[in-house]
N, C-alpha and C. Protein backbone atom coordinates (compact mmCIF):
# COMPACT_ATOMS: atom_id res chain seq x y z
N MET A 1 43.96 -43.23 34.07
CA MET A 1 44.80 -43.42 35.08
C MET A 1 45.34 -42.49 35.54
N ASN A 2 45.84 -42.01 37.03
CA ASN A 2 45.99 -40.76 37.78
C ASN A 2 47.60 -40.38 37.51
N TYR A 3 48.19 -39.09 36.75
CA TYR A 3 49.47 -39.05 37.31
C TYR A 3 49.60 -37.97 37.57
N PRO A 4 51.10 -37.98 38.30
CA PRO A 4 51.50 -36.20 38.69
C PRO A 4 51.52 -35.46 37.29
N LEU A 5 50.59 -33.83 37.77
CA LEU A 5 51.06 -33.22 36.93
C LEU A 5 52.45 -32.16 36.70
N ARG A 6 52.47 -31.53 35.46
CA ARG A 6 53.89 -30.79 35.86
C ARG A 6 53.27 -29.62 35.79
N PRO A 7 53.93 -28.56 36.83
CA PRO A 7 53.07 -27.22 36.59
C PRO A 7 53.96 -26.40 35.90
N GLN A 8 53.10 -25.51 35.49
CA GLN A 8 53.69 -24.52 34.09
C GLN A 8 54.53 -24.01 34.50
N ASN A 9 55.22 -23.67 36.22
CA ASN A 9 55.88 -22.31 36.11
C ASN A 9 57.13 -23.42 36.36
N HIS A 10 56.90 -24.53 36.61
CA HIS A 10 58.42 -25.61 36.54
C HIS A 10 58.90 -25.59 34.92
N VAL A 11 58.07 -25.60 34.41
CA VAL A 11 58.60 -25.24 32.53
C VAL A 11 58.95 -24.01 32.42
N ILE A 12 58.44 -22.87 32.94
CA ILE A 12 59.10 -21.52 32.24
C ILE A 12 60.47 -21.60 33.49
N GLU A 13 60.57 -21.84 34.72
CA GLU A 13 61.73 -21.89 35.32
C GLU A 13 62.87 -22.45 34.55
N ASN A 14 62.84 -23.90 34.22
CA ASN A 14 63.36 -24.45 32.89
C ASN A 14 63.98 -23.58 32.17
N ILE A 15 63.09 -23.04 31.34
CA ILE A 15 63.25 -22.14 29.98
C ILE A 15 64.25 -20.80 30.21
N SER A 16 63.80 -20.31 31.73
CA SER A 16 64.46 -19.25 32.09
C SER A 16 65.94 -20.01 32.29
N LYS A 17 66.54 -20.57 32.72
CA LYS A 17 67.57 -20.91 33.13
C LYS A 17 68.34 -21.27 31.80
N LEU A 18 67.66 -21.81 31.24
CA LEU A 18 68.29 -21.70 29.61
C LEU A 18 68.67 -20.66 29.06
N ALA A 19 67.45 -19.40 28.58
CA ALA A 19 67.75 -17.77 28.22
C ALA A 19 68.71 -17.65 28.83
N PHE A 20 68.82 -18.05 30.27
CA PHE A 20 70.26 -17.39 30.86
C PHE A 20 71.17 -17.71 30.74
N ARG A 21 71.60 -18.60 30.76
CA ARG A 21 72.84 -19.56 30.23
C ARG A 21 73.07 -19.27 28.97
N GLN A 22 72.17 -18.74 28.27
CA GLN A 22 72.74 -18.53 26.55
C GLN A 22 72.47 -16.86 27.04
N ALA A 23 72.43 -15.82 27.33
CA ALA A 23 72.23 -14.54 27.37
C ALA A 23 74.14 -14.15 27.90
N MET A 24 74.56 -14.90 28.88
CA MET A 24 75.37 -14.60 29.58
C MET A 24 76.71 -15.25 28.26
N PRO A 25 78.17 -14.34 28.61
CA PRO A 25 79.05 -14.90 28.00
C PRO A 25 79.55 -16.37 28.61
N GLN A 26 80.14 -17.25 27.17
CA GLN A 26 80.05 -18.62 27.13
C GLN A 26 81.19 -18.78 28.11
N GLU A 27 82.11 -17.99 28.00
CA GLU A 27 83.61 -18.52 28.61
C GLU A 27 83.51 -18.18 30.48
N TRP A 28 82.01 -17.40 30.89
CA TRP A 28 82.25 -17.34 31.94
C TRP A 28 81.88 -18.53 32.74
N VAL A 29 82.25 -18.34 34.30
CA VAL A 29 81.96 -19.78 35.11
C VAL A 29 80.32 -19.37 36.03
N LEU A 30 79.77 -20.30 35.48
CA LEU A 30 78.54 -20.42 36.14
C LEU A 30 77.93 -21.59 36.39
N ASN A 31 78.31 -21.55 38.35
CA ASN A 31 77.69 -22.70 38.78
C ASN A 31 76.20 -22.64 39.70
N GLU A 32 75.93 -23.36 39.49
CA GLU A 32 74.19 -23.24 39.79
C GLU A 32 74.18 -23.88 41.57
N TYR A 33 73.37 -23.33 42.61
CA TYR A 33 73.69 -23.48 43.57
C TYR A 33 72.08 -24.81 43.55
N PHE A 34 72.61 -26.02 44.45
CA PHE A 34 71.24 -26.88 44.80
C PHE A 34 70.68 -26.67 45.59
N ILE A 35 71.17 -26.23 46.59
CA ILE A 35 70.31 -25.66 48.00
C ILE A 35 70.11 -24.15 47.73
N ASP A 36 69.44 -23.67 47.75
CA ASP A 36 68.76 -22.18 47.02
C ASP A 36 68.35 -21.59 48.43
N TYR A 37 69.12 -20.35 49.08
CA TYR A 37 68.72 -19.18 49.90
C TYR A 37 68.63 -18.29 49.81
N GLY A 38 67.59 -17.94 48.37
CA GLY A 38 67.85 -16.73 47.92
C GLY A 38 68.62 -16.43 46.50
N THR A 39 69.73 -17.03 46.46
CA THR A 39 70.70 -17.19 44.79
C THR A 39 70.32 -18.50 44.38
N ASP A 40 70.42 -18.03 43.00
CA ASP A 40 70.71 -19.37 42.36
C ASP A 40 71.47 -20.08 41.38
N PHE A 41 72.59 -19.12 41.33
CA PHE A 41 73.63 -19.46 40.49
C PHE A 41 74.95 -18.26 41.14
N GLN A 42 76.12 -18.64 40.88
CA GLN A 42 77.83 -18.05 41.47
C GLN A 42 77.89 -17.67 40.18
N CYS A 43 78.51 -16.56 39.73
CA CYS A 43 79.05 -16.21 38.29
C CYS A 43 80.24 -16.12 38.61
N GLU A 44 81.38 -16.45 37.85
CA GLU A 44 82.59 -15.94 37.70
C GLU A 44 82.88 -15.24 36.46
N ILE A 45 83.57 -14.05 36.72
CA ILE A 45 84.03 -13.98 35.51
C ILE A 45 85.39 -14.09 34.82
N VAL A 46 85.58 -14.20 33.57
CA VAL A 46 86.41 -14.99 32.62
C VAL A 46 87.23 -13.33 31.96
N LYS A 47 88.10 -13.09 31.80
CA LYS A 47 88.47 -12.32 30.89
C LYS A 47 89.96 -12.42 30.30
N ASP A 48 90.06 -12.32 29.11
CA ASP A 48 90.73 -13.00 27.68
C ASP A 48 91.40 -14.20 28.33
N ASN A 49 90.49 -15.55 29.02
CA ASN A 49 90.36 -16.53 28.98
C ASN A 49 91.11 -16.63 30.62
N ALA A 50 91.41 -15.61 31.18
CA ALA A 50 91.73 -15.77 32.68
C ALA A 50 90.53 -15.64 33.56
N VAL A 51 90.81 -16.85 34.56
CA VAL A 51 89.41 -17.08 35.99
C VAL A 51 90.00 -15.93 36.61
N LEU A 52 89.36 -14.75 36.85
CA LEU A 52 89.80 -13.69 37.69
C LEU A 52 89.54 -13.89 39.41
N GLY A 53 88.78 -14.98 39.72
CA GLY A 53 88.14 -14.88 40.79
C GLY A 53 87.28 -13.96 41.84
N ILE A 54 86.68 -12.81 40.49
CA ILE A 54 86.08 -12.20 40.65
C ILE A 54 84.32 -12.68 40.18
N LYS A 55 83.46 -12.35 41.23
CA LYS A 55 82.16 -13.01 41.44
C LYS A 55 80.99 -12.27 41.92
N PHE A 56 80.04 -12.86 41.04
CA PHE A 56 78.76 -12.29 41.81
C PHE A 56 77.47 -13.55 41.88
N SER A 57 76.54 -13.47 42.68
CA SER A 57 75.53 -14.16 42.67
C SER A 57 74.14 -13.64 42.02
N ILE A 58 73.73 -14.54 41.56
CA ILE A 58 72.36 -14.23 41.01
C ILE A 58 71.02 -14.64 41.30
N GLN A 59 69.83 -14.44 41.38
CA GLN A 59 68.79 -15.02 41.55
C GLN A 59 68.11 -14.81 40.62
N LEU A 60 67.47 -15.75 40.57
CA LEU A 60 66.61 -16.10 39.16
C LEU A 60 65.34 -16.21 39.03
N LYS A 61 64.20 -15.16 38.33
CA LYS A 61 63.20 -15.34 38.86
C LYS A 61 62.35 -15.75 37.57
N ALA A 62 61.42 -16.45 37.21
CA ALA A 62 60.46 -16.32 35.57
C ALA A 62 58.93 -16.19 36.02
N LYS A 63 58.97 -15.60 35.02
CA LYS A 63 56.88 -15.53 35.02
C LYS A 63 56.48 -15.37 33.62
N SER A 64 55.53 -16.12 33.34
CA SER A 64 54.81 -16.06 32.34
C SER A 64 54.91 -15.28 31.20
N LYS A 65 54.46 -14.00 31.99
CA LYS A 65 53.84 -12.92 31.51
C LYS A 65 53.72 -12.19 32.56
N GLU A 66 54.01 -10.21 31.93
CA GLU A 66 54.28 -9.41 32.97
C GLU A 66 52.75 -8.05 32.16
N PHE A 67 52.23 -7.82 33.38
CA PHE A 67 51.16 -7.01 33.18
C PHE A 67 51.75 -5.44 33.01
N ASP A 68 52.33 -5.53 33.68
CA ASP A 68 53.05 -3.85 34.22
C ASP A 68 54.00 -3.70 32.53
N VAL A 69 53.70 -2.27 32.10
CA VAL A 69 54.54 -1.46 31.03
C VAL A 69 55.76 -1.26 30.99
N GLU A 70 56.15 -1.03 32.49
CA GLU A 70 57.68 -0.40 32.58
C GLU A 70 58.19 -0.88 33.36
N SER A 71 57.73 -2.21 34.05
CA SER A 71 58.87 -2.53 34.75
C SER A 71 58.42 -4.32 35.36
N VAL A 72 59.04 -5.37 35.93
CA VAL A 72 58.28 -6.33 35.77
C VAL A 72 58.71 -6.66 37.30
N ILE A 73 57.64 -6.67 37.87
CA ILE A 73 57.18 -6.86 39.52
C ILE A 73 57.52 -8.23 39.88
N ILE A 74 58.45 -8.48 40.96
CA ILE A 74 59.04 -9.65 41.85
C ILE A 74 57.98 -9.33 43.00
N LYS A 75 57.59 -10.32 43.19
CA LYS A 75 57.07 -10.10 44.77
C LYS A 75 57.07 -11.76 45.81
N ASN A 76 56.81 -11.08 47.10
CA ASN A 76 57.15 -11.87 47.81
C ASN A 76 58.48 -12.18 48.17
N ILE A 77 59.39 -11.37 48.32
CA ILE A 77 60.38 -11.86 48.43
C ILE A 77 60.80 -11.76 50.09
N LYS A 78 61.19 -12.77 50.57
CA LYS A 78 61.08 -12.67 52.32
C LYS A 78 62.08 -11.47 52.58
N ARG A 79 62.06 -10.97 53.53
CA ARG A 79 62.76 -10.46 54.73
C ARG A 79 64.57 -10.86 54.84
N SER A 80 64.24 -12.35 55.20
CA SER A 80 65.31 -13.11 55.50
C SER A 80 66.12 -13.05 54.51
N THR A 81 65.61 -13.19 53.41
CA THR A 81 66.64 -13.32 51.91
C THR A 81 67.07 -11.98 51.76
N ILE A 82 66.48 -10.79 51.90
CA ILE A 82 66.62 -9.96 51.75
C ILE A 82 68.40 -9.40 52.82
N ASN A 83 68.06 -9.81 53.80
CA ASN A 83 69.06 -9.78 54.84
C ASN A 83 70.17 -10.17 53.99
N ARG A 84 70.29 -11.26 53.86
CA ARG A 84 71.49 -12.24 53.29
C ARG A 84 71.89 -11.56 52.33
N TRP A 85 71.40 -11.16 51.00
CA TRP A 85 71.89 -10.56 49.95
C TRP A 85 72.80 -9.04 50.60
N ILE A 86 72.01 -8.31 51.43
CA ILE A 86 72.75 -6.90 51.76
C ILE A 86 73.90 -7.84 52.59
N LYS A 87 74.11 -8.36 53.64
CA LYS A 87 75.19 -8.65 54.27
C LYS A 87 76.21 -9.47 53.52
N SER A 88 76.09 -10.33 51.83
CA SER A 88 76.61 -10.55 51.07
C SER A 88 77.93 -9.70 50.88
N LEU A 89 78.95 -10.58 50.92
CA LEU A 89 80.19 -9.70 50.26
C LEU A 89 80.12 -9.47 48.47
N GLU A 90 79.75 -10.58 47.93
CA GLU A 90 79.24 -10.38 46.78
C GLU A 90 78.52 -9.76 46.18
N PRO A 91 78.01 -9.14 44.72
CA PRO A 91 77.38 -8.10 44.24
C PRO A 91 76.54 -9.35 44.46
N ILE A 92 75.01 -8.94 44.25
CA ILE A 92 74.17 -9.84 44.11
C ILE A 92 72.96 -9.20 43.18
N MET A 93 72.98 -9.63 41.82
CA MET A 93 72.16 -9.74 40.95
C MET A 93 70.93 -10.43 41.00
N ILE A 94 69.58 -9.61 40.69
CA ILE A 94 68.12 -9.93 40.19
C ILE A 94 68.34 -10.32 38.74
N VAL A 95 67.80 -11.42 37.92
CA VAL A 95 67.32 -11.31 37.18
C VAL A 95 66.04 -12.53 36.73
N ALA A 96 65.37 -11.54 36.18
CA ALA A 96 63.84 -11.80 35.97
C ALA A 96 63.67 -11.87 34.67
N TYR A 97 63.06 -13.35 33.89
CA TYR A 97 62.68 -13.61 32.70
C TYR A 97 61.29 -13.54 32.50
N VAL A 98 60.68 -13.15 31.59
CA VAL A 98 59.33 -12.99 30.83
C VAL A 98 59.13 -13.81 30.04
N ASP A 99 58.67 -15.09 30.13
CA ASP A 99 58.44 -15.86 28.99
C ASP A 99 57.47 -15.38 27.63
N GLU A 100 56.86 -14.54 27.99
CA GLU A 100 55.38 -13.92 27.12
C GLU A 100 56.63 -13.15 26.34
N GLU A 101 57.67 -12.41 26.90
CA GLU A 101 57.97 -11.15 26.08
C GLU A 101 59.84 -11.91 25.45
N LYS A 102 59.94 -13.24 25.98
CA LYS A 102 61.49 -13.75 25.68
C LYS A 102 62.45 -12.50 26.48
N ASN A 103 62.58 -12.13 27.14
CA ASN A 103 63.22 -11.13 27.65
C ASN A 103 63.65 -11.31 28.92
N ILE A 104 65.08 -11.14 29.19
CA ILE A 104 65.63 -11.29 30.58
C ILE A 104 65.67 -9.70 31.08
N TYR A 105 65.40 -9.10 32.07
CA TYR A 105 65.64 -7.99 32.60
C TYR A 105 66.48 -7.91 34.07
N TRP A 106 67.52 -7.35 34.59
CA TRP A 106 67.87 -7.48 35.61
C TRP A 106 68.22 -6.24 36.40
N GLN A 107 68.83 -6.22 37.25
CA GLN A 107 69.11 -5.18 38.62
C GLN A 107 70.50 -5.52 39.46
N TRP A 108 70.87 -4.60 40.28
CA TRP A 108 71.75 -5.15 41.13
C TRP A 108 70.83 -5.14 42.72
N VAL A 109 71.63 -5.61 43.70
CA VAL A 109 70.55 -5.54 44.66
C VAL A 109 71.30 -4.78 45.60
N THR A 110 71.16 -3.48 46.15
CA THR A 110 71.88 -2.25 46.95
C THR A 110 70.99 -2.06 48.36
N GLU A 111 71.52 -1.40 49.13
CA GLU A 111 71.03 -1.52 50.19
C GLU A 111 69.49 -0.30 50.12
N ASN A 112 69.56 0.16 48.93
CA ASN A 112 68.59 1.40 48.46
C ASN A 112 67.37 0.23 47.52
N THR A 113 67.67 -1.10 47.35
CA THR A 113 66.81 -1.95 46.64
C THR A 113 65.22 -1.48 47.23
N PHE A 114 65.43 -1.90 48.51
CA PHE A 114 64.07 -2.07 49.18
C PHE A 114 64.15 -0.95 50.50
N ASP A 115 62.52 -0.39 50.82
CA ASP A 115 62.39 0.24 51.66
C ASP A 115 62.44 -0.63 53.08
N LEU A 116 63.79 -0.44 53.72
CA LEU A 116 63.56 -1.99 55.05
C LEU A 116 63.36 -0.89 56.19
N THR A 117 62.69 0.47 56.41
CA THR A 117 61.91 0.92 57.64
C THR A 117 60.76 0.34 58.03
N SER A 118 60.23 -0.11 57.25
CA SER A 118 59.08 -0.58 57.84
C SER A 118 58.97 -2.29 58.20
N ASN A 119 58.51 -2.59 58.76
CA ASN A 119 58.81 -4.17 59.55
C ASN A 119 57.77 -5.12 58.90
N GLN A 120 57.84 -5.65 57.62
CA GLN A 120 57.28 -6.65 56.86
C GLN A 120 57.91 -7.69 56.52
N LYS A 121 56.85 -8.93 56.41
CA LYS A 121 57.70 -10.37 56.48
C LYS A 121 57.87 -10.38 54.69
N SER A 122 57.69 -9.58 54.12
CA SER A 122 58.33 -9.82 52.31
C SER A 122 57.85 -8.87 51.72
N TYR A 123 58.78 -8.33 50.38
CA TYR A 123 58.48 -7.59 49.78
C TYR A 123 58.75 -7.27 48.26
N GLN A 124 58.44 -6.44 47.67
CA GLN A 124 58.97 -6.85 46.43
C GLN A 124 59.91 -5.67 45.86
N ILE A 125 60.26 -6.54 44.55
CA ILE A 125 60.92 -5.42 43.54
C ILE A 125 60.54 -5.09 42.08
N LYS A 126 60.94 -4.24 41.80
CA LYS A 126 60.69 -3.30 40.17
C LYS A 126 61.65 -3.75 39.26
N ILE A 127 62.09 -4.34 38.58
CA ILE A 127 62.50 -3.97 37.89
C ILE A 127 62.64 -3.34 36.43
N SER A 128 63.42 -2.52 36.16
CA SER A 128 62.85 -1.75 34.93
C SER A 128 63.01 -2.59 33.33
N LYS A 129 61.90 -2.42 32.37
CA LYS A 129 62.45 -3.05 31.32
C LYS A 129 63.10 -2.28 30.71
N LYS A 130 63.69 -1.15 30.85
CA LYS A 130 64.81 -0.96 29.80
C LYS A 130 66.21 -1.42 30.34
N GLN A 131 66.64 -2.38 31.61
CA GLN A 131 67.31 -2.94 31.70
C GLN A 131 67.28 -4.31 31.47
N ILE A 132 67.46 -4.39 29.95
CA ILE A 132 67.36 -5.42 29.25
C ILE A 132 68.72 -6.46 29.58
N LEU A 133 68.81 -7.64 29.82
CA LEU A 133 69.69 -8.21 30.07
C LEU A 133 70.44 -9.12 28.14
N ASN A 134 71.86 -8.24 27.59
CA ASN A 134 72.33 -8.64 26.65
C ASN A 134 73.44 -8.42 26.33
N GLU A 135 73.84 -8.83 25.16
CA GLU A 135 75.38 -8.94 24.86
C GLU A 135 76.36 -7.57 25.31
N THR A 136 75.88 -6.43 25.29
CA THR A 136 75.96 -5.16 25.65
C THR A 136 75.97 -4.99 26.79
N VAL A 137 75.59 -5.26 27.51
CA VAL A 137 75.68 -5.27 29.52
C VAL A 137 76.73 -6.00 29.65
N TRP A 138 77.01 -6.48 29.57
CA TRP A 138 78.30 -7.85 30.09
C TRP A 138 79.40 -6.95 30.10
N ASP A 139 80.13 -6.04 29.08
CA ASP A 139 81.30 -5.08 29.48
C ASP A 139 80.80 -4.48 30.74
N ASP A 140 79.80 -3.40 31.18
CA ASP A 140 79.47 -2.89 31.99
C ASP A 140 79.29 -3.70 33.44
N ILE A 141 78.81 -5.29 33.37
CA ILE A 141 78.74 -6.11 34.38
C ILE A 141 79.82 -5.68 35.09
N THR A 142 80.80 -6.45 33.92
CA THR A 142 82.21 -6.96 34.45
C THR A 142 83.06 -5.77 35.24
N ARG A 143 82.95 -4.00 34.42
CA ARG A 143 83.45 -3.03 35.03
C ARG A 143 82.85 -2.72 36.62
N GLN A 144 81.28 -3.16 36.45
CA GLN A 144 81.09 -2.93 38.02
C GLN A 144 81.36 -3.80 39.10
N VAL A 145 81.79 -4.84 38.96
CA VAL A 145 82.28 -5.98 39.78
C VAL A 145 83.73 -5.88 39.60
N GLU A 146 84.15 -5.59 39.07
CA GLU A 146 86.01 -5.05 38.99
C GLU A 146 86.07 -4.08 40.01
N LYS A 147 85.31 -2.53 39.86
CA LYS A 147 85.61 -1.63 41.17
C LYS A 147 85.16 -2.30 42.43
N ILE A 148 83.87 -3.14 42.60
CA ILE A 148 83.36 -3.49 43.79
C ILE A 148 84.92 -4.38 44.38
N TYR A 149 85.44 -5.06 43.66
CA TYR A 149 86.62 -5.99 44.38
C TYR A 149 88.00 -5.16 44.59
N GLU A 150 88.10 -4.16 43.46
CA GLU A 150 89.17 -2.92 43.60
C GLU A 150 89.25 -2.70 45.25
N ARG A 151 87.37 -2.32 45.93
CA ARG A 151 87.27 -1.76 47.29
C ARG A 151 87.76 -2.17 48.04
N LYS A 152 87.43 -3.78 47.85
CA LYS A 152 88.02 -4.94 48.70
C LYS A 152 89.28 -5.02 49.24
N TYR A 153 90.40 -4.89 48.08
CA TYR A 153 91.42 -4.83 47.91
C TYR A 153 92.02 -3.55 48.58
N LEU A 154 91.47 -2.26 48.50
CA LEU A 154 91.85 -1.69 49.43
C LEU A 154 91.33 -1.34 50.99
N VAL A 155 90.64 -2.48 51.20
CA VAL A 155 90.77 -1.84 52.45
C VAL A 155 91.72 -2.79 53.23
N LYS A 156 91.88 -4.46 52.40
CA LYS A 156 92.74 -4.93 52.88
C LYS A 156 94.45 -4.69 52.85
N GLY A 157 94.20 -3.83 51.82
CA GLY A 157 96.13 -3.19 51.54
C GLY A 157 96.71 -3.82 50.98
N TRP A 158 95.83 -4.76 49.70
CA TRP A 158 96.92 -5.67 48.69
C TRP A 158 97.58 -4.79 47.84
């Protein structure tokens, strides 16, 4: 008999979601988008059991292996997706899971992440392999997101 085959990239995508959920603080709120326009999750930071209302979005990419020694290279990122990320008021984090290494790498998206002076349909991003997502970085991530929200309060005069 003939049956549909499950592609390996679907399996690795599921593994990457599980690995990411296990790597993040368990008290934080992680909501998955079912309609994905370049962000897979929205994460709300919880501090001392207080749900703070400060959030960031995450785009999760999964790879079976990475040949580059220093970086994880994510290719074929659409210009329309980058435009959405840059316009977003919430910080956007790119997360790359490499199955062969069992590591999760991360980077914030900023206006300088991509060279947007060229008119291309798609771009790539290199995430340094020094940027491993583990329990020691979550406090830094919290501080960075808090600073972004503090600027929002200054602008609004709260």
